[in-house]
Amino acid sequence: MSTQPRSVPPGGDVRADGSSKADEPDITKDVKVMSCKVKAGEYGTKELDLKIEYINSDDRRFSYLAEGEVTVNGEKKSDIVSTGQNLAPGQKYTDENAGALAFDVAKAAKAGDKIECKLIKVSRNSY
């Protein structure tokens, strides 16, 4: 019995069935940060206006999970965890409250601070 070496695609792993992660669609284009700024909230408080938009570009239902971080002047200050649940093909959803975990970031923000919201990992599961 002879075995042929299997090449590993660039940046991907080979699964037991021979397929590779390179065969999977790029779902990062389905999720993007729409807003990341400090705004005035109710009763004079400051809030992080962080909105994440999901657009299901596939042909079946999916639920998405976006993970990332909020940085202030290049230093990580908070995590981002956001979901878009049970989206039909072509459906769009905006998580208007994605900054809920980062309430301390907005309270401590000073004029001139550079606040950035970065998505690090996007995953999805079929519904």
N, C-alpha and C. Protein backbone atom coordinates (compact mmCIF):
# COMPACT_ATOMS: atom_id res chain seq x y z
N MET A 1 0.84 -1.17 0.00
CA MET A 1 0.00 0.00 0.00
C MET A 1 0.89 1.23 0.00
N SER A 2 0.66 2.08 -0.94
CA SER A 2 1.47 3.28 -1.04
C SER A 2 0.64 4.49 -0.62
N THR A 3 1.26 5.40 0.08
CA THR A 3 0.56 6.62 0.48
C THR A 3 1.24 7.80 -0.18
N GLN A 4 0.45 8.66 -0.69
CA GLN A 4 0.94 9.88 -1.31
C GLN A 4 0.96 11.00 -0.27
N PRO A 5 2.01 11.79 -0.22
CA PRO A 5 1.98 12.92 0.71
C PRO A 5 0.90 13.91 0.29
N ARG A 6 0.24 14.44 1.27
CA ARG A 6 -0.81 15.41 1.03
C ARG A 6 -0.27 16.81 1.29
N SER A 7 -0.45 17.68 0.35
CA SER A 7 0.07 19.03 0.55
C SER A 7 -0.93 19.83 1.38
N VAL A 8 -0.40 20.66 2.22
CA VAL A 8 -1.24 21.53 3.06
C VAL A 8 -1.35 22.87 2.35
N PRO A 9 -2.58 23.31 2.09
CA PRO A 9 -2.74 24.60 1.42
C PRO A 9 -2.18 25.73 2.26
N PRO A 10 -1.70 26.79 1.62
CA PRO A 10 -1.15 27.91 2.39
C PRO A 10 -2.16 28.45 3.38
N GLY A 11 -1.76 28.57 4.62
CA GLY A 11 -2.61 29.14 5.66
C GLY A 11 -3.76 28.24 6.08
N GLY A 12 -3.74 26.98 5.68
CA GLY A 12 -4.86 26.11 6.03
C GLY A 12 -4.40 24.77 6.56
N ASP A 13 -5.32 24.07 7.15
CA ASP A 13 -5.06 22.74 7.67
C ASP A 13 -5.84 21.74 6.84
N VAL A 14 -5.35 20.51 6.80
CA VAL A 14 -6.08 19.45 6.12
C VAL A 14 -6.88 18.69 7.17
N ARG A 15 -8.17 18.51 6.92
CA ARG A 15 -9.03 17.74 7.82
C ARG A 15 -8.91 16.26 7.50
N ALA A 16 -9.49 15.44 8.34
CA ALA A 16 -9.45 13.99 8.14
C ALA A 16 -10.08 13.58 6.80
N ASP A 17 -11.08 14.32 6.33
CA ASP A 17 -11.73 13.97 5.06
C ASP A 17 -10.99 14.51 3.84
N GLY A 18 -9.86 15.17 4.05
CA GLY A 18 -9.07 15.68 2.94
C GLY A 18 -9.40 17.10 2.53
N SER A 19 -10.49 17.66 3.03
CA SER A 19 -10.83 19.05 2.70
C SER A 19 -9.95 19.99 3.51
N SER A 20 -9.91 21.22 3.12
CA SER A 20 -9.08 22.18 3.84
C SER A 20 -9.91 23.37 4.28
N LYS A 21 -9.38 24.10 5.25
CA LYS A 21 -10.05 25.32 5.69
C LYS A 21 -10.08 26.34 4.57
N ALA A 22 -9.17 26.21 3.61
CA ALA A 22 -9.16 27.12 2.48
C ALA A 22 -10.43 26.95 1.64
N ASP A 23 -11.11 25.79 1.78
CA ASP A 23 -12.35 25.54 1.05
C ASP A 23 -13.52 26.32 1.64
N GLU A 24 -13.39 26.86 2.84
CA GLU A 24 -14.48 27.56 3.50
C GLU A 24 -14.57 29.00 3.01
N PRO A 25 -15.79 29.53 2.94
CA PRO A 25 -15.94 30.92 2.48
C PRO A 25 -15.38 31.90 3.52
N ASP A 26 -15.01 33.07 3.05
CA ASP A 26 -14.51 34.13 3.94
C ASP A 26 -15.72 34.84 4.55
N ILE A 27 -16.04 34.49 5.80
CA ILE A 27 -17.22 35.08 6.44
C ILE A 27 -16.90 36.41 7.11
N THR A 28 -15.64 36.81 7.14
CA THR A 28 -15.31 38.09 7.78
C THR A 28 -15.95 39.26 7.05
N LYS A 29 -16.26 39.09 5.76
CA LYS A 29 -16.91 40.17 5.01
C LYS A 29 -18.38 40.32 5.41
N ASP A 30 -18.93 39.33 6.12
CA ASP A 30 -20.33 39.39 6.56
C ASP A 30 -20.51 40.24 7.82
N VAL A 31 -19.42 40.60 8.48
CA VAL A 31 -19.51 41.31 9.77
C VAL A 31 -18.54 42.50 9.75
N LYS A 32 -19.05 43.68 10.16
CA LYS A 32 -18.16 44.84 10.22
C LYS A 32 -18.60 45.81 11.31
N VAL A 33 -17.62 46.56 11.82
CA VAL A 33 -17.87 47.60 12.81
C VAL A 33 -18.40 48.83 12.07
N MET A 34 -19.58 49.29 12.46
CA MET A 34 -20.20 50.44 11.82
C MET A 34 -19.96 51.74 12.59
N SER A 35 -19.77 51.63 13.90
CA SER A 35 -19.56 52.81 14.73
C SER A 35 -18.71 52.42 15.93
N CYS A 36 -17.79 53.30 16.28
CA CYS A 36 -16.94 53.08 17.46
C CYS A 36 -16.50 54.45 17.97
N LYS A 37 -17.33 55.04 18.83
CA LYS A 37 -17.02 56.37 19.35
C LYS A 37 -17.73 56.58 20.68
N VAL A 38 -17.23 57.51 21.44
CA VAL A 38 -17.84 57.87 22.71
C VAL A 38 -18.95 58.87 22.41
N LYS A 39 -20.11 58.66 23.04
CA LYS A 39 -21.24 59.58 22.85
C LYS A 39 -21.83 59.90 24.22
N ALA A 40 -22.61 60.96 24.24
CA ALA A 40 -23.31 61.34 25.47
C ALA A 40 -24.50 60.43 25.64
N GLY A 41 -24.60 59.83 26.81
CA GLY A 41 -25.72 58.95 27.12
C GLY A 41 -26.76 59.67 27.94
N GLU A 42 -27.66 58.89 28.48
CA GLU A 42 -28.69 59.47 29.33
C GLU A 42 -28.08 60.02 30.62
N TYR A 43 -28.69 61.06 31.14
CA TYR A 43 -28.31 61.65 32.43
C TYR A 43 -26.87 62.15 32.44
N GLY A 44 -26.34 62.54 31.27
CA GLY A 44 -25.00 63.12 31.22
C GLY A 44 -23.86 62.13 31.27
N THR A 45 -24.15 60.85 31.21
CA THR A 45 -23.08 59.84 31.22
C THR A 45 -22.48 59.69 29.83
N LYS A 46 -21.29 59.11 29.76
CA LYS A 46 -20.66 58.81 28.48
C LYS A 46 -20.83 57.32 28.20
N GLU A 47 -21.10 56.99 26.92
CA GLU A 47 -21.28 55.60 26.50
C GLU A 47 -20.43 55.34 25.27
N LEU A 48 -20.06 54.09 25.07
CA LEU A 48 -19.37 53.70 23.85
C LEU A 48 -20.43 53.33 22.81
N ASP A 49 -20.50 54.11 21.75
CA ASP A 49 -21.42 53.84 20.65
C ASP A 49 -20.71 52.86 19.71
N LEU A 50 -20.91 51.57 19.97
CA LEU A 50 -20.30 50.50 19.18
C LEU A 50 -21.42 49.73 18.50
N LYS A 51 -21.44 49.79 17.19
CA LYS A 51 -22.46 49.08 16.41
C LYS A 51 -21.75 48.11 15.47
N ILE A 52 -22.25 46.88 15.42
CA ILE A 52 -21.70 45.86 14.54
C ILE A 52 -22.80 45.38 13.61
N GLU A 53 -22.51 45.38 12.32
CA GLU A 53 -23.48 44.98 11.32
C GLU A 53 -23.16 43.58 10.78
N TYR A 54 -24.21 42.78 10.65
CA TYR A 54 -24.12 41.43 10.10
C TYR A 54 -24.95 41.37 8.83
N ILE A 55 -24.41 40.76 7.78
CA ILE A 55 -25.17 40.49 6.55
C ILE A 55 -24.86 39.05 6.15
N ASN A 56 -25.87 38.20 6.16
CA ASN A 56 -25.68 36.81 5.79
C ASN A 56 -25.57 36.71 4.27
N SER A 57 -24.36 36.45 3.78
CA SER A 57 -24.12 36.38 2.34
C SER A 57 -24.25 34.96 1.80
N ASP A 58 -24.65 34.02 2.63
CA ASP A 58 -24.77 32.63 2.21
C ASP A 58 -26.19 32.33 1.75
N ASP A 59 -26.43 31.09 1.37
CA ASP A 59 -27.75 30.69 0.87
C ASP A 59 -28.58 29.90 1.87
N ARG A 60 -28.17 29.91 3.16
CA ARG A 60 -28.96 29.27 4.21
C ARG A 60 -28.82 30.07 5.50
N ARG A 61 -29.62 29.76 6.50
CA ARG A 61 -29.62 30.50 7.78
C ARG A 61 -28.34 30.24 8.57
N PHE A 62 -27.86 31.32 9.22
CA PHE A 62 -26.69 31.21 10.09
C PHE A 62 -26.86 32.13 11.29
N SER A 63 -26.20 31.77 12.38
CA SER A 63 -26.02 32.64 13.54
C SER A 63 -24.53 32.96 13.61
N TYR A 64 -24.20 34.22 13.87
CA TYR A 64 -22.82 34.70 13.88
C TYR A 64 -22.37 35.08 15.28
N LEU A 65 -21.08 34.91 15.54
CA LEU A 65 -20.44 35.36 16.76
C LEU A 65 -19.22 36.18 16.36
N ALA A 66 -19.16 37.42 16.81
CA ALA A 66 -18.01 38.30 16.55
C ALA A 66 -17.32 38.58 17.87
N GLU A 67 -16.00 38.42 17.87
CA GLU A 67 -15.19 38.68 19.06
C GLU A 67 -14.09 39.67 18.70
N GLY A 68 -13.77 40.54 19.62
CA GLY A 68 -12.74 41.53 19.35
C GLY A 68 -12.32 42.26 20.60
N GLU A 69 -11.77 43.46 20.37
CA GLU A 69 -11.29 44.24 21.51
C GLU A 69 -11.44 45.73 21.23
N VAL A 70 -11.55 46.47 22.32
CA VAL A 70 -11.58 47.93 22.27
C VAL A 70 -10.23 48.40 22.81
N THR A 71 -9.56 49.25 22.03
CA THR A 71 -8.28 49.80 22.48
C THR A 71 -8.40 51.31 22.63
N VAL A 72 -7.65 51.83 23.58
CA VAL A 72 -7.54 53.27 23.79
C VAL A 72 -6.07 53.61 23.68
N ASN A 73 -5.75 54.44 22.71
CA ASN A 73 -4.35 54.81 22.44
C ASN A 73 -3.46 53.58 22.27
N GLY A 74 -4.01 52.55 21.61
CA GLY A 74 -3.25 51.34 21.30
C GLY A 74 -3.24 50.28 22.39
N GLU A 75 -3.80 50.57 23.55
CA GLU A 75 -3.80 49.62 24.67
C GLU A 75 -5.18 48.99 24.84
N LYS A 76 -5.23 47.66 24.91
CA LYS A 76 -6.51 46.97 25.06
C LYS A 76 -7.16 47.35 26.39
N LYS A 77 -8.44 47.73 26.31
CA LYS A 77 -9.18 48.12 27.50
C LYS A 77 -10.41 47.25 27.76
N SER A 78 -10.94 46.60 26.72
CA SER A 78 -12.15 45.81 26.89
C SER A 78 -12.29 44.81 25.75
N ASP A 79 -13.13 43.81 25.98
CA ASP A 79 -13.46 42.83 24.96
C ASP A 79 -14.73 43.23 24.24
N ILE A 80 -14.89 42.71 23.04
CA ILE A 80 -16.13 42.84 22.28
C ILE A 80 -16.67 41.43 22.07
N VAL A 81 -17.93 41.23 22.41
CA VAL A 81 -18.63 39.98 22.11
C VAL A 81 -20.00 40.39 21.59
N SER A 82 -20.28 39.97 20.35
CA SER A 82 -21.54 40.37 19.71
C SER A 82 -22.06 39.19 18.91
N THR A 83 -23.40 39.11 18.79
CA THR A 83 -23.99 38.04 18.01
C THR A 83 -25.06 38.57 17.07
N GLY A 84 -25.20 37.87 15.98
CA GLY A 84 -26.30 38.07 15.04
C GLY A 84 -26.97 36.72 14.89
N GLN A 85 -28.17 36.58 15.42
CA GLN A 85 -28.82 35.27 15.53
C GLN A 85 -29.81 34.98 14.41
N ASN A 86 -29.75 33.74 13.90
CA ASN A 86 -30.77 33.19 13.00
C ASN A 86 -31.05 34.11 11.80
N LEU A 87 -30.00 34.48 11.08
CA LEU A 87 -30.16 35.37 9.93
C LEU A 87 -30.44 34.57 8.67
N ALA A 88 -31.49 34.93 7.97
CA ALA A 88 -31.85 34.29 6.70
C ALA A 88 -30.88 34.75 5.61
N PRO A 89 -30.81 34.05 4.50
CA PRO A 89 -29.95 34.48 3.39
C PRO A 89 -30.26 35.92 2.99
N GLY A 90 -29.22 36.76 2.92
CA GLY A 90 -29.38 38.15 2.55
C GLY A 90 -29.85 39.07 3.65
N GLN A 91 -30.23 38.52 4.80
CA GLN A 91 -30.75 39.35 5.89
C GLN A 91 -29.64 40.13 6.56
N LYS A 92 -29.98 41.38 6.95
CA LYS A 92 -29.03 42.26 7.63
C LYS A 92 -29.55 42.53 9.04
N TYR A 93 -28.61 42.59 9.99
CA TYR A 93 -28.93 42.91 11.38
C TYR A 93 -27.81 43.77 11.95
N THR A 94 -28.16 44.81 12.69
CA THR A 94 -27.15 45.64 13.35
C THR A 94 -27.32 45.52 14.86
N ASP A 95 -26.23 45.08 15.53
CA ASP A 95 -26.21 45.02 16.99
C ASP A 95 -25.90 46.44 17.47
N GLU A 96 -26.93 47.14 17.89
CA GLU A 96 -26.81 48.54 18.31
C GLU A 96 -26.20 48.68 19.71
N ASN A 97 -26.12 47.58 20.45
CA ASN A 97 -25.67 47.61 21.83
C ASN A 97 -24.39 46.78 22.03
N ALA A 98 -23.55 46.71 21.00
CA ALA A 98 -22.34 45.89 21.08
C ALA A 98 -21.32 46.43 22.08
N GLY A 99 -21.45 47.69 22.46
CA GLY A 99 -20.50 48.29 23.39
C GLY A 99 -20.85 48.14 24.85
N ALA A 100 -21.83 47.30 25.16
CA ALA A 100 -22.29 47.16 26.55
C ALA A 100 -21.17 46.71 27.49
N LEU A 101 -20.28 45.84 27.01
CA LEU A 101 -19.19 45.37 27.87
C LEU A 101 -18.14 46.45 28.13
N ALA A 102 -18.10 47.47 27.29
CA ALA A 102 -17.04 48.47 27.35
C ALA A 102 -17.49 49.78 28.00
N PHE A 103 -18.43 49.72 28.93
CA PHE A 103 -18.93 50.96 29.53
C PHE A 103 -17.83 51.71 30.28
N ASP A 104 -16.87 51.01 30.88
CA ASP A 104 -15.78 51.68 31.59
C ASP A 104 -14.86 52.45 30.65
N VAL A 105 -14.74 51.97 29.41
CA VAL A 105 -13.89 52.65 28.43
C VAL A 105 -14.41 54.06 28.18
N ALA A 106 -15.70 54.18 27.96
CA ALA A 106 -16.30 55.49 27.68
C ALA A 106 -16.19 56.41 28.89
N LYS A 107 -16.43 55.87 30.09
CA LYS A 107 -16.35 56.70 31.30
C LYS A 107 -14.96 57.29 31.49
N ALA A 108 -13.92 56.52 31.16
CA ALA A 108 -12.54 56.96 31.37
C ALA A 108 -11.96 57.74 30.19
N ALA A 109 -12.67 57.79 29.08
CA ALA A 109 -12.15 58.44 27.87
C ALA A 109 -11.94 59.93 28.09
N LYS A 110 -10.83 60.41 27.56
CA LYS A 110 -10.51 61.84 27.62
C LYS A 110 -10.47 62.39 26.21
N ALA A 111 -10.64 63.68 26.09
CA ALA A 111 -10.56 64.33 24.77
C ALA A 111 -9.20 64.02 24.15
N GLY A 112 -9.19 63.65 22.89
CA GLY A 112 -7.95 63.34 22.20
C GLY A 112 -7.55 61.88 22.24
N ASP A 113 -8.22 61.06 23.07
CA ASP A 113 -7.93 59.62 23.09
C ASP A 113 -8.33 59.00 21.77
N LYS A 114 -7.51 58.07 21.29
CA LYS A 114 -7.82 57.34 20.06
C LYS A 114 -8.46 56.00 20.45
N ILE A 115 -9.76 55.89 20.22
CA ILE A 115 -10.49 54.67 20.57
C ILE A 115 -10.73 53.88 19.29
N GLU A 116 -10.36 52.59 19.32
CA GLU A 116 -10.55 51.71 18.17
C GLU A 116 -11.26 50.44 18.61
N CYS A 117 -12.12 49.95 17.74
CA CYS A 117 -12.84 48.69 17.95
C CYS A 117 -12.42 47.75 16.83
N LYS A 118 -11.79 46.64 17.21
CA LYS A 118 -11.26 45.70 16.22
C LYS A 118 -11.92 44.35 16.39
N LEU A 119 -12.39 43.79 15.28
CA LEU A 119 -12.88 42.41 15.30
C LEU A 119 -11.69 41.50 15.07
N ILE A 120 -11.56 40.49 15.92
CA ILE A 120 -10.44 39.56 15.82
C ILE A 120 -10.88 38.22 15.26
N LYS A 121 -12.08 37.78 15.63
CA LYS A 121 -12.55 36.48 15.22
C LYS A 121 -14.04 36.53 14.91
N VAL A 122 -14.41 35.97 13.77
CA VAL A 122 -15.82 35.86 13.39
C VAL A 122 -16.09 34.39 13.10
N SER A 123 -17.15 33.87 13.71
CA SER A 123 -17.53 32.48 13.44
C SER A 123 -19.02 32.43 13.22
N ARG A 124 -19.48 31.33 12.62
CA ARG A 124 -20.91 31.17 12.40
C ARG A 124 -21.28 29.71 12.47
N ASN A 125 -22.54 29.49 12.82
CA ASN A 125 -23.09 28.15 12.88
C ASN A 125 -24.39 28.13 12.11
N SER A 126 -24.64 27.03 11.41
CA SER A 126 -25.91 26.93 10.69
C SER A 126 -27.02 26.80 11.69
N TYR A 127 -28.15 27.34 11.36
CA TYR A 127 -29.26 27.38 12.28
C TYR A 127 -30.21 26.25 12.01
